[in-house]
């Protein structure tokens, strides 16, 4: 079984209307995706040609594992931005001694 590195952005509060999540590294690498509240949907990040997944206040960016990111959430009438360092764990879906090994990161965004 294969796996992919990923970064999961966990929103403390999901905006009530369609919103966009943009993440940018200090080096300028960026990803963004539009999400509909309460729905699970895959998205395409046109800025980088990668896949993202919106799922009930959690946004996952596949094939992306930066050490630090600025997260900007925008919606009609508002926005919120913060910078943080995701916490990563490594996992091997085929067992401890079998490749591949991938990294999954999580960053909690506490919107006020």
PDB file of N, CA and C in Angstrom:
ATOM      1  N   UNK A   1       0.842  -1.164   0.000  1.00  0.00           N
ATOM      2  CA  UNK A   1       0.000   0.000   0.000  1.00  0.00           C
ATOM      3  C   UNK A   1       0.894   1.237   0.000  1.00  0.00           C
ATOM      4  N   UNK A   2       0.531   2.225  -0.796  1.00  0.00           N
ATOM      5  CA  UNK A   2       1.292   3.463  -0.840  1.00  0.00           C
ATOM      6  C   UNK A   2       0.753   4.485   0.146  1.00  0.00           C
ATOM      7  N   UNK A   3       1.463   5.564   0.284  1.00  0.00           N
ATOM      8  CA  UNK A   3       1.008   6.652   1.131  1.00  0.00           C
ATOM      9  C   UNK A   3       1.578   7.958   0.593  1.00  0.00           C
ATOM     10  N   UNK A   4       1.074   9.057   1.092  1.00  0.00           N
ATOM     11  CA  UNK A   4       1.524  10.376   0.659  1.00  0.00           C
ATOM     12  C   UNK A   4       1.780  11.241   1.875  1.00  0.00           C
ATOM     13  N   UNK A   5       2.805  12.094   1.783  1.00  0.00           N
ATOM     14  CA  UNK A   5       3.007  13.097   2.809  1.00  0.00           C
ATOM     15  C   UNK A   5       1.824  14.048   2.754  1.00  0.00           C
ATOM     16  N   UNK A   6       1.444  14.601   3.905  1.00  0.00           N
ATOM     17  CA  UNK A   6       0.298  15.505   3.915  1.00  0.00           C
ATOM     18  C   UNK A   6       0.375  16.475   5.087  1.00  0.00           C
ATOM     19  N   UNK A   7      -0.372  17.549   4.950  1.00  0.00           N
ATOM     20  CA  UNK A   7      -0.523  18.542   6.011  1.00  0.00           C
ATOM     21  C   UNK A   7      -2.004  18.757   6.228  1.00  0.00           C
ATOM     22  N   UNK A   8      -2.439  18.608   7.475  1.00  0.00           N
ATOM     23  CA  UNK A   8      -3.839  18.767   7.838  1.00  0.00           C
ATOM     24  C   UNK A   8      -3.994  20.049   8.653  1.00  0.00           C
ATOM     25  N   UNK A   9      -4.856  20.948   8.169  1.00  0.00           N
ATOM     26  CA  UNK A   9      -5.163  22.182   8.883  1.00  0.00           C
ATOM     27  C   UNK A   9      -6.499  21.955   9.583  1.00  0.00           C
ATOM     28  N   UNK A  10      -6.515  22.082  10.912  1.00  0.00           N
ATOM     29  CA  UNK A  10      -7.720  21.837  11.697  1.00  0.00           C
ATOM     30  C   UNK A  10      -8.235  23.189  12.187  1.00  0.00           C
ATOM     31  N   UNK A  11      -9.430  23.569  11.728  1.00  0.00           N
ATOM     32  CA  UNK A  11     -10.009  24.856  12.100  1.00  0.00           C
ATOM     33  C   UNK A  11     -10.818  24.705  13.392  1.00  0.00           C
ATOM     34  N   UNK A  12     -10.602  25.603  14.357  1.00  0.00           N
ATOM     35  CA  UNK A  12     -11.370  25.542  15.601  1.00  0.00           C
ATOM     36  C   UNK A  12     -12.831  25.872  15.339  1.00  0.00           C
ATOM     37  N   UNK A  13     -13.077  26.728  14.345  1.00  0.00           N
ATOM     38  CA  UNK A  13     -14.435  27.098  13.945  1.00  0.00           C
ATOM     39  C   UNK A  13     -14.474  27.134  12.424  1.00  0.00           C
ATOM     40  N   UNK A  14     -15.397  26.392  11.846  1.00  0.00           N
ATOM     41  CA  UNK A  14     -15.533  26.410  10.392  1.00  0.00           C
ATOM     42  C   UNK A  14     -16.433  27.586  10.007  1.00  0.00           C
ATOM     43  N   UNK A  15     -16.006  28.432   9.067  1.00  0.00           N
ATOM     44  CA  UNK A  15     -16.871  29.526   8.626  1.00  0.00           C
ATOM     45  C   UNK A  15     -18.223  28.996   8.144  1.00  0.00           C
ATOM     46  N   UNK A  16     -19.262  29.830   8.287  1.00  0.00           N
ATOM     47  CA  UNK A  16     -20.625  29.410   7.961  1.00  0.00           C
ATOM     48  C   UNK A  16     -20.914  29.400   6.467  1.00  0.00           C
ATOM     49  N   UNK A  17     -20.051  30.018   5.665  1.00  0.00           N
ATOM     50  CA  UNK A  17     -20.262  30.017   4.225  1.00  0.00           C
ATOM     51  C   UNK A  17     -19.004  29.508   3.518  1.00  0.00           C
ATOM     52  N   UNK A  18     -19.064  29.423   2.194  1.00  0.00           N
ATOM     53  CA  UNK A  18     -17.913  28.960   1.414  1.00  0.00           C
ATOM     54  C   UNK A  18     -16.686  29.779   1.819  1.00  0.00           C
ATOM     55  N   UNK A  19     -15.571  29.093   2.012  1.00  0.00           N
ATOM     56  CA  UNK A  19     -14.338  29.764   2.434  1.00  0.00           C
ATOM     57  C   UNK A  19     -13.145  29.200   1.677  1.00  0.00           C
ATOM     58  N   UNK A  20     -12.075  29.969   1.667  1.00  0.00           N
ATOM     59  CA  UNK A  20     -10.838  29.536   1.015  1.00  0.00           C
ATOM     60  C   UNK A  20      -9.748  29.438   2.067  1.00  0.00           C
ATOM     61  N   UNK A  21      -8.980  28.368   1.990  1.00  0.00           N
ATOM     62  CA  UNK A  21      -7.818  28.190   2.864  1.00  0.00           C
ATOM     63  C   UNK A  21      -6.579  28.266   1.980  1.00  0.00           C
ATOM     64  N   UNK A  22      -5.705  29.211   2.296  1.00  0.00           N
ATOM     65  CA  UNK A  22      -4.438  29.373   1.576  1.00  0.00           C
ATOM     66  C   UNK A  22      -3.309  29.168   2.564  1.00  0.00           C
ATOM     67  N   UNK A  23      -2.311  28.395   2.173  1.00  0.00           N
ATOM     68  CA  UNK A  23      -1.137  28.208   3.019  1.00  0.00           C
ATOM     69  C   UNK A  23       0.103  28.552   2.205  1.00  0.00           C
ATOM     70  N   UNK A  24       1.047  29.220   2.875  1.00  0.00           N
ATOM     71  CA  UNK A  24       2.272  29.665   2.216  1.00  0.00           C
ATOM     72  C   UNK A  24       3.456  29.380   3.129  1.00  0.00           C
ATOM     73  N   UNK A  25       4.536  28.851   2.563  1.00  0.00           N
ATOM     74  CA  UNK A  25       5.761  28.618   3.330  1.00  0.00           C
ATOM     75  C   UNK A  25       6.613  29.880   3.311  1.00  0.00           C
ATOM     76  N   UNK A  26       7.594  29.995   4.215  1.00  0.00           N
ATOM     77  CA  UNK A  26       8.502  31.142   4.193  1.00  0.00           C
ATOM     78  C   UNK A  26       9.257  31.251   2.868  1.00  0.00           C
ATOM     79  N   UNK A  27       9.427  30.120   2.163  1.00  0.00           N
ATOM     80  CA  UNK A  27      10.131  30.119   0.880  1.00  0.00           C
ATOM     81  C   UNK A  27       9.229  30.555  -0.275  1.00  0.00           C
ATOM     82  N   UNK A  28       7.931  30.751   0.000  1.00  0.00           N
ATOM     83  CA  UNK A  28       7.014  31.218  -1.028  1.00  0.00           C
ATOM     84  C   UNK A  28       6.209  30.137  -1.718  1.00  0.00           C
ATOM     85  N   UNK A  29       6.376  28.872  -1.316  1.00  0.00           N
ATOM     86  CA  UNK A  29       5.586  27.785  -1.893  1.00  0.00           C
ATOM     87  C   UNK A  29       4.170  27.883  -1.313  1.00  0.00           C
ATOM     88  N   UNK A  30       3.148  27.783  -2.142  1.00  0.00           N
ATOM     89  CA  UNK A  30       1.793  27.968  -1.624  1.00  0.00           C
ATOM     90  C   UNK A  30       0.811  26.960  -2.195  1.00  0.00           C
ATOM     91  N   UNK A  31      -0.286  26.778  -1.453  1.00  0.00           N
ATOM     92  CA  UNK A  31      -1.401  25.927  -1.852  1.00  0.00           C
ATOM     93  C   UNK A  31      -2.670  26.662  -1.413  1.00  0.00           C
ATOM     94  N   UNK A  32      -3.769  26.437  -2.131  1.00  0.00           N
ATOM     95  CA  UNK A  32      -5.047  27.001  -1.706  1.00  0.00           C
ATOM     96  C   UNK A  32      -6.174  26.125  -2.225  1.00  0.00           C
ATOM     97  N   UNK A  33      -7.296  26.160  -1.509  1.00  0.00           N
ATOM     98  CA  UNK A  33      -8.464  25.379  -1.909  1.00  0.00           C
ATOM     99  C   UNK A  33      -9.707  26.063  -1.352  1.00  0.00           C
ATOM    100  N   UNK A  34     -10.799  25.946  -2.080  1.00  0.00           N
ATOM    101  CA  UNK A  34     -12.083  26.488  -1.657  1.00  0.00           C
ATOM    102  C   UNK A  34     -12.904  25.360  -1.037  1.00  0.00           C
ATOM    103  N   UNK A  35     -13.568  25.635   0.096  1.00  0.00           N
ATOM    104  CA  UNK A  35     -14.329  24.618   0.818  1.00  0.00           C
ATOM    105  C   UNK A  35     -15.759  25.084   1.073  1.00  0.00           C
ATOM    106  N   UNK A  36     -16.686  24.137   1.099  1.00  0.00           N
ATOM    107  CA  UNK A  36     -18.074  24.403   1.438  1.00  0.00           C
ATOM    108  C   UNK A  36     -18.327  23.827   2.819  1.00  0.00           C
ATOM    109  N   UNK A  37     -18.814  24.648   3.778  1.00  0.00           N
ATOM    110  CA  UNK A  37     -19.007  24.160   5.150  1.00  0.00           C
ATOM    111  C   UNK A  37     -19.937  22.949   5.220  1.00  0.00           C
ATOM    112  N   UNK A  38     -19.554  21.997   6.080  1.00  0.00           N
ATOM    113  CA  UNK A  38     -20.378  20.827   6.316  1.00  0.00           C
ATOM    114  C   UNK A  38     -20.308  19.759   5.241  1.00  0.00           C
ATOM    115  N   UNK A  39     -19.507  19.978   4.205  1.00  0.00           N
ATOM    116  CA  UNK A  39     -19.411  18.996   3.126  1.00  0.00           C
ATOM    117  C   UNK A  39     -18.003  18.423   3.046  1.00  0.00           C
ATOM    118  N   UNK A  40     -17.920  17.160   2.651  1.00  0.00           N
ATOM    119  CA  UNK A  40     -16.632  16.533   2.374  1.00  0.00           C
ATOM    120  C   UNK A  40     -16.441  16.559   0.873  1.00  0.00           C
ATOM    121  N   UNK A  41     -15.343  17.144   0.441  1.00  0.00           N
ATOM    122  CA  UNK A  41     -15.118  17.219  -0.997  1.00  0.00           C
ATOM    123  C   UNK A  41     -13.637  17.320  -1.296  1.00  0.00           C
ATOM    124  N   UNK A  42     -13.209  16.638  -2.328  1.00  0.00           N
ATOM    125  CA  UNK A  42     -11.832  16.831  -2.768  1.00  0.00           C
ATOM    126  C   UNK A  42     -11.747  18.147  -3.514  1.00  0.00           C
ATOM    127  N   UNK A  43     -10.612  18.771  -3.449  1.00  0.00           N
ATOM    128  CA  UNK A  43     -10.404  20.012  -4.171  1.00  0.00           C
ATOM    129  C   UNK A  43      -9.094  19.946  -4.914  1.00  0.00           C
ATOM    130  N   UNK A  44      -8.957  20.813  -5.849  1.00  0.00           N
ATOM    131  CA  UNK A  44      -7.732  20.889  -6.617  1.00  0.00           C
ATOM    132  C   UNK A  44      -7.086  22.222  -6.298  1.00  0.00           C
ATOM    133  N   UNK A  45      -5.818  22.212  -5.945  1.00  0.00           N
ATOM    134  CA  UNK A  45      -5.101  23.433  -5.627  1.00  0.00           C
ATOM    135  C   UNK A  45      -4.426  23.935  -6.902  1.00  0.00           C
ATOM    136  N   UNK A  46      -5.075  24.859  -7.636  1.00  0.00           N
ATOM    137  CA  UNK A  46      -4.528  25.279  -8.918  1.00  0.00           C
ATOM    138  C   UNK A  46      -3.149  25.917  -8.797  1.00  0.00           C
ATOM    139  N   UNK A  47      -2.860  26.509  -7.641  1.00  0.00           N
ATOM    140  CA  UNK A  47      -1.573  27.183  -7.473  1.00  0.00           C
ATOM    141  C   UNK A  47      -0.405  26.204  -7.555  1.00  0.00           C
ATOM    142  N   UNK A  48      -0.639  24.947  -7.199  1.00  0.00           N
ATOM    143  CA  UNK A  48       0.466  23.987  -7.180  1.00  0.00           C
ATOM    144  C   UNK A  48       0.162  22.703  -7.930  1.00  0.00           C
ATOM    145  N   UNK A  49      -1.061  22.569  -8.439  1.00  0.00           N
ATOM    146  CA  UNK A  49      -1.408  21.341  -9.150  1.00  0.00           C
ATOM    147  C   UNK A  49      -1.492  20.134  -8.242  1.00  0.00           C
ATOM    148  N   UNK A  50      -1.926  20.334  -6.997  1.00  0.00           N
ATOM    149  CA  UNK A  50      -2.009  19.222  -6.052  1.00  0.00           C
ATOM    150  C   UNK A  50      -3.435  19.059  -5.544  1.00  0.00           C
ATOM    151  N   UNK A  51      -3.649  17.974  -4.847  1.00  0.00           N
ATOM    152  CA  UNK A  51      -4.962  17.636  -4.313  1.00  0.00           C
ATOM    153  C   UNK A  51      -5.078  18.119  -2.870  1.00  0.00           C
ATOM    154  N   UNK A  52      -6.274  18.617  -2.551  1.00  0.00           N
ATOM    155  CA  UNK A  52      -6.599  18.993  -1.181  1.00  0.00           C
ATOM    156  C   UNK A  52      -7.948  18.368  -0.857  1.00  0.00           C
ATOM    157  N   UNK A  53      -8.246  18.195   0.420  1.00  0.00           N
ATOM    158  CA  UNK A  53      -9.513  17.610   0.831  1.00  0.00           C
ATOM    159  C   UNK A  53     -10.120  18.463   1.935  1.00  0.00           C
ATOM    160  N   UNK A  54     -11.346  18.925   1.714  1.00  0.00           N
ATOM    161  CA  UNK A  54     -12.092  19.666   2.727  1.00  0.00           C
ATOM    162  C   UNK A  54     -13.031  18.677   3.410  1.00  0.00           C
ATOM    163  N   UNK A  55     -13.007  18.652   4.738  1.00  0.00           N
ATOM    164  CA  UNK A  55     -13.868  17.711   5.445  1.00  0.00           C
ATOM    165  C   UNK A  55     -14.231  18.238   6.824  1.00  0.00           C
ATOM    166  N   UNK A  56     -15.405  18.868   6.922  1.00  0.00           N
ATOM    167  CA  UNK A  56     -15.971  19.309   8.194  1.00  0.00           C
ATOM    168  C   UNK A  56     -14.977  20.075   9.078  1.00  0.00           C
ATOM    169  N   UNK A  57     -14.450  21.173   8.574  1.00  0.00           N
ATOM    170  CA  UNK A  57     -13.545  22.006   9.368  1.00  0.00           C
ATOM    171  C   UNK A  57     -12.101  21.560   9.364  1.00  0.00           C
ATOM    172  N   UNK A  58     -11.781  20.566   8.565  1.00  0.00           N
ATOM    173  CA  UNK A  58     -10.405  20.107   8.415  1.00  0.00           C
ATOM    174  C   UNK A  58     -10.056  20.163   6.929  1.00  0.00           C
ATOM    175  N   UNK A  59      -8.892  20.718   6.630  1.00  0.00           N
ATOM    176  CA  UNK A  59      -8.438  20.803   5.250  1.00  0.00           C
ATOM    177  C   UNK A  59      -7.086  20.101   5.161  1.00  0.00           C
ATOM    178  N   UNK A  60      -6.986  19.098   4.300  1.00  0.00           N
ATOM    179  CA  UNK A  60      -5.745  18.338   4.134  1.00  0.00           C
ATOM    180  C   UNK A  60      -5.149  18.636   2.770  1.00  0.00           C
ATOM    181  N   UNK A  61      -3.863  18.946   2.756  1.00  0.00           N
ATOM    182  CA  UNK A  61      -3.123  19.173   1.519  1.00  0.00           C
ATOM    183  C   UNK A  61      -2.174  18.000   1.323  1.00  0.00           C
ATOM    184  N   UNK A  62      -2.338  17.293   0.209  1.00  0.00           N
ATOM    185  CA  UNK A  62      -1.534  16.106  -0.065  1.00  0.00           C
ATOM    186  C   UNK A  62      -0.208  16.495  -0.721  1.00  0.00           C
ATOM    187  N   UNK A  63       0.804  15.667  -0.515  1.00  0.00           N
ATOM    188  CA  UNK A  63       2.134  15.870  -1.098  1.00  0.00           C
ATOM    189  C   UNK A  63       2.736  17.211  -0.691  1.00  0.00           C
ATOM    190  N   UNK A  64       2.540  17.578   0.571  1.00  0.00           N
ATOM    191  CA  UNK A  64       3.010  18.872   1.065  1.00  0.00           C
ATOM    192  C   UNK A  64       3.311  18.715   2.546  1.00  0.00           C
ATOM    193  N   UNK A  65       4.558  18.953   2.944  1.00  0.00           N
ATOM    194  CA  UNK A  65       4.928  18.779   4.359  1.00  0.00           C
ATOM    195  C   UNK A  65       5.944  19.826   4.811  1.00  0.00           C
ATOM    196  N   UNK A  66       5.561  21.112   4.759  1.00  0.00           N
ATOM    197  CA  UNK A  66       6.483  22.181   5.151  1.00  0.00           C
ATOM    198  C   UNK A  66       6.696  22.240   6.666  1.00  0.00           C
ATOM    199  N   UNK A  67       7.811  22.837   7.066  1.00  0.00           N
ATOM    200  CA  UNK A  67       8.124  22.980   8.492  1.00  0.00           C
ATOM    201  C   UNK A  67       7.384  24.151   9.138  1.00  0.00           C
ATOM    202  N   UNK A  68       7.074  25.169   8.341  1.00  0.00           N
ATOM    203  CA  UNK A  68       6.342  26.327   8.851  1.00  0.00           C
ATOM    204  C   UNK A  68       5.427  26.845   7.744  1.00  0.00           C
ATOM    205  N   UNK A  69       4.236  27.324   8.119  1.00  0.00           N
ATOM    206  CA  UNK A  69       3.300  27.865   7.138  1.00  0.00           C
ATOM    207  C   UNK A  69       2.547  29.056   7.719  1.00  0.00           C
ATOM    208  N   UNK A  70       2.158  29.947   6.818  1.00  0.00           N
ATOM    209  CA  UNK A  70       1.186  30.972   7.146  1.00  0.00           C
ATOM    210  C   UNK A  70      -0.131  30.500   6.556  1.00  0.00           C
ATOM    211  N   UNK A  71      -1.155  30.456   7.402  1.00  0.00           N
ATOM    212  CA  UNK A  71      -2.478  29.996   6.994  1.00  0.00           C
ATOM    213  C   UNK A  71      -3.392  31.211   6.940  1.00  0.00           C
ATOM    214  N   UNK A  72      -4.085  31.370   5.812  1.00  0.00           N
ATOM    215  CA  UNK A  72      -5.058  32.455   5.684  1.00  0.00           C
ATOM    216  C   UNK A  72      -6.388  31.845   5.279  1.00  0.00           C
ATOM    217  N   UNK A  73      -7.418  32.134   6.079  1.00  0.00           N
ATOM    218  CA  UNK A  73      -8.763  31.674   5.787  1.00  0.00           C
ATOM    219  C   UNK A  73      -9.572  32.912   5.406  1.00  0.00           C
ATOM    220  N   UNK A  74     -10.222  32.880   4.245  1.00  0.00           N
ATOM    221  CA  UNK A  74     -11.029  34.019   3.819  1.00  0.00           C
ATOM    222  C   UNK A  74     -12.438  33.539   3.479  1.00  0.00           C
ATOM    223  N   UNK A  75     -13.406  34.367   3.780  1.00  0.00           N
ATOM    224  CA  UNK A  75     -14.806  34.110   3.461  1.00  0.00           C
ATOM    225  C   UNK A  75     -15.476  35.445   3.213  1.00  0.00           C
ATOM    226  N   UNK A  76     -16.674  35.419   2.697  1.00  0.00           N
ATOM    227  CA  UNK A  76     -17.398  36.645   2.391  1.00  0.00           C
ATOM    228  C   UNK A  76     -17.555  37.475   3.668  1.00  0.00           C
ATOM    229  N   UNK A  77     -16.892  38.607   3.710  1.00  0.00           N
ATOM    230  CA  UNK A  77     -17.014  39.487   4.866  1.00  0.00           C
ATOM    231  C   UNK A  77     -15.960  39.302   5.938  1.00  0.00           C
ATOM    232  N   UNK A  78     -14.974  38.425   5.735  1.00  0.00           N
ATOM    233  CA  UNK A  78     -13.977  38.260   6.786  1.00  0.00           C
ATOM    234  C   UNK A  78     -12.771  37.460   6.362  1.00  0.00           C
ATOM    235  N   UNK A  79     -11.757  37.480   7.229  1.00  0.00           N
ATOM    236  CA  UNK A  79     -10.562  36.675   7.019  1.00  0.00           C
ATOM    237  C   UNK A  79      -9.836  36.501   8.344  1.00  0.00           C
ATOM    238  N   UNK A  80      -8.983  35.504   8.386  1.00  0.00           N
ATOM    239  CA  UNK A  80      -8.159  35.231   9.566  1.00  0.00           C
ATOM    240  C   UNK A  80      -6.834  34.675   9.080  1.00  0.00           C
ATOM    241  N   UNK A  81      -5.739  35.113   9.700  1.00  0.00           N
ATOM    242  CA  UNK A  81      -4.417  34.650   9.293  1.00  0.00           C
ATOM    243  C   UNK A  81      -3.572  34.346  10.518  1.00  0.00           C
ATOM    244  N   UNK A  82      -2.754  33.306  10.419  1.00  0.00           N
ATOM    245  CA  UNK A  82      -1.835  32.942  11.500  1.00  0.00           C
ATOM    246  C   UNK A  82      -0.657  32.180  10.905  1.00  0.00           C
ATOM    247  N   UNK A  83       0.429  32.128  11.645  1.00  0.00           N
ATOM    248  CA  UNK A  83       1.614  31.380  11.231  1.00  0.00           C
ATOM    249  C   UNK A  83       1.912  30.333  12.295  1.00  0.00           C
ATOM    250  N   UNK A  84       2.303  29.127  11.851  1.00  0.00           N
ATOM    251  CA  UNK A  84       2.606  28.081  12.806  1.00  0.00           C
ATOM    252  C   UNK A  84       3.489  27.001  12.221  1.00  0.00           C
ATOM    253  N   UNK A  85       3.947  26.123  13.103  1.00  0.00           N
ATOM    254  CA  UNK A  85       4.781  24.982  12.717  1.00  0.00           C
ATOM    255  C   UNK A  85       3.988  23.703  12.964  1.00  0.00           C
ATOM    256  N   UNK A  86       3.639  22.974  11.910  1.00  0.00           N
ATOM    257  CA  UNK A  86       2.892  21.723  12.078  1.00  0.00           C
ATOM    258  C   UNK A  86       3.685  20.695  12.880  1.00  0.00           C
ATOM    259  N   UNK A  87       2.968  19.815  13.531  1.00  0.00           N
ATOM    260  CA  UNK A  87       3.575  18.690  14.242  1.00  0.00           C
ATOM    261  C   UNK A  87       3.405  17.464  13.353  1.00  0.00           C
ATOM    262  N   UNK A  88       4.532  16.832  13.011  1.00  0.00           N
ATOM    263  CA  UNK A  88       4.522  15.695  12.086  1.00  0.00           C
ATOM    264  C   UNK A  88       4.773  14.380  12.805  1.00  0.00           C
ATOM    265  N   UNK A  89       4.134  13.342  12.285  1.00  0.00           N
ATOM    266  CA  UNK A  89       4.431  11.977  12.701  1.00  0.00           C
ATOM    267  C   UNK A  89       4.683  11.166  11.434  1.00  0.00           C
ATOM    268  N   UNK A  90       5.561  10.206  11.533  1.00  0.00           N
ATOM    269  CA  UNK A  90       5.843   9.315  10.408  1.00  0.00           C
ATOM    270  C   UNK A  90       5.005   8.063  10.553  1.00  0.00           C
ATOM    271  N   UNK A  91       4.608   7.497   9.419  1.00  0.00           N
ATOM    272  CA  UNK A  91       3.844   6.255   9.464  1.00  0.00           C
ATOM    273  C   UNK A  91       4.218   5.382   8.275  1.00  0.00           C
ATOM    274  N   UNK A  92       4.073   4.080   8.486  1.00  0.00           N
ATOM    275  CA  UNK A  92       4.353   3.086   7.449  1.00  0.00           C
ATOM    276  C   UNK A  92       3.113   2.215   7.322  1.00  0.00           C
ATOM    277  N   UNK A  93       2.284   2.451   6.280  1.00  0.00           N
ATOM    278  CA  UNK A  93       1.019   1.722   6.162  1.00  0.00           C
ATOM    279  C   UNK A  93       1.172   0.220   5.962  1.00  0.00           C
ATOM    280  N   UNK A  94       2.353  -0.249   5.563  1.00  0.00           N
ATOM    281  CA  UNK A  94       2.570  -1.671   5.314  1.00  0.00           C
ATOM    282  C   UNK A  94       3.290  -2.372   6.462  1.00  0.00           C
ATOM    283  N   UNK A  95       3.435  -1.680   7.571  1.00  0.00           N
ATOM    284  CA  UNK A  95       4.112  -2.279   8.710  1.00  0.00           C
ATOM    285  C   UNK A  95       5.437  -1.600   8.986  1.00  0.00           C
ATOM    286  N   UNK A  96       5.936  -1.831  10.165  1.00  0.00           N
ATOM    287  CA  UNK A  96       7.108  -1.147  10.686  1.00  0.00           C
ATOM    288  C   UNK A  96       8.350  -1.248   9.807  1.00  0.00           C
ATOM    289  N   UNK A  97       8.594  -2.364   9.208  1.00  0.00           N
ATOM    290  CA  UNK A  97       9.836  -2.551   8.459  1.00  0.00           C
ATOM    291  C   UNK A  97       9.636  -2.561   6.939  1.00  0.00           C
ATOM    292  N   UNK A  98       8.447  -2.153   6.502  1.00  0.00           N
ATOM    293  CA  UNK A  98       8.136  -2.188   5.066  1.00  0.00           C
ATOM    294  C   UNK A  98       7.925  -0.776   4.523  1.00  0.00           C
ATOM    295  N   UNK A  99       8.561  -0.472   3.397  1.00  0.00           N
ATOM    296  CA  UNK A  99       8.332   0.830   2.793  1.00  0.00           C
ATOM    297  C   UNK A  99       6.922   0.900   2.206  1.00  0.00           C
ATOM    298  N   UNK A 100       6.448   2.072   1.923  1.00  0.00           N
ATOM    299  CA  UNK A 100       7.076   3.382   2.096  1.00  0.00           C
ATOM    300  C   UNK A 100       6.839   3.944   3.494  1.00  0.00           C
ATOM    301  N   UNK A 101       7.557   5.020   3.794  1.00  0.00           N
ATOM    302  CA  UNK A 101       7.338   5.772   5.021  1.00  0.00           C
ATOM    303  C   UNK A 101       6.900   7.174   4.623  1.00  0.00           C
ATOM    304  N   UNK A 102       5.819   7.639   5.213  1.00  0.00           N
ATOM    305  CA  UNK A 102       5.306   8.966   4.893  1.00  0.00           C
ATOM    306  C   UNK A 102       5.140   9.783   6.166  1.00  0.00           C
ATOM    307  N   UNK A 103       4.988  11.102   5.956  1.00  0.00           N
ATOM    308  CA  UNK A 103       4.811  12.024   7.081  1.00  0.00           C
ATOM    309  C   UNK A 103       3.433  12.667   7.002  1.00  0.00           C
ATOM    310  N   UNK A 104       2.786  12.733   8.139  1.00  0.00           N
ATOM    311  CA  UNK A 104       1.499  13.416   8.246  1.00  0.00           C
ATOM    312  C   UNK A 104       1.617  14.504   9.293  1.00  0.00           C
ATOM    313  N   UNK A 105       1.277  15.736   8.904  1.00  0.00           N
ATOM    314  CA  UNK A 105       1.388  16.857   9.822  1.00  0.00           C
ATOM    315  C   UNK A 105       0.034  17.421  10.175  1.00  0.00           C
ATOM    316  N   UNK A 106      -0.067  18.030  11.358  1.00  0.00           N
ATOM    317  CA  UNK A 106      -1.299  18.666  11.817  1.00  0.00           C
ATOM    318  C   UNK A 106      -0.965  20.039  12.374  1.00  0.00           C
ATOM    319  N   UNK A 107      -1.841  20.983  12.048  1.00  0.00           N
ATOM    320  CA  UNK A 107      -1.716  22.339  12.582  1.00  0.00           C
ATOM    321  C   UNK A 107      -3.109  22.807  12.980  1.00  0.00           C
ATOM    322  N   UNK A 108      -3.291  23.071  14.270  1.00  0.00           N
ATOM    323  CA  UNK A 108      -4.563  23.582  14.786  1.00  0.00           C
ATOM    324  C   UNK A 108      -4.601  25.080  14.589  1.00  0.00           C
ATOM    325  N   UNK A 109      -5.671  25.591  13.970  1.00  0.00           N
ATOM    326  CA  UNK A 109      -5.848  27.027  13.765  1.00  0.00           C
ATOM    327  C   UNK A 109      -7.017  27.461  14.638  1.00  0.00           C
ATOM    328  N   UNK A 110      -6.711  28.245  15.671  1.00  0.00           N
ATOM    329  CA  UNK A 110      -7.727  28.717  16.613  1.00  0.00           C
ATOM    330  C   UNK A 110      -8.232  30.076  16.162  1.00  0.00           C
ATOM    331  N   UNK A 111      -9.298  30.073  15.385  1.00  0.00           N
ATOM    332  CA  UNK A 111      -9.865  31.316  14.874  1.00  0.00           C
ATOM    333  C   UNK A 111     -10.642  32.005  16.007  1.00  0.00           C
ATOM    334  N   UNK A 112     -10.459  33.316  16.102  1.00  0.00           N
ATOM    335  CA  UNK A 112     -11.128  34.092  17.160  1.00  0.00           C
ATOM    336  C   UNK A 112     -12.291  34.854  16.571  1.00  0.00           C
TER     337      UNK A 112
END
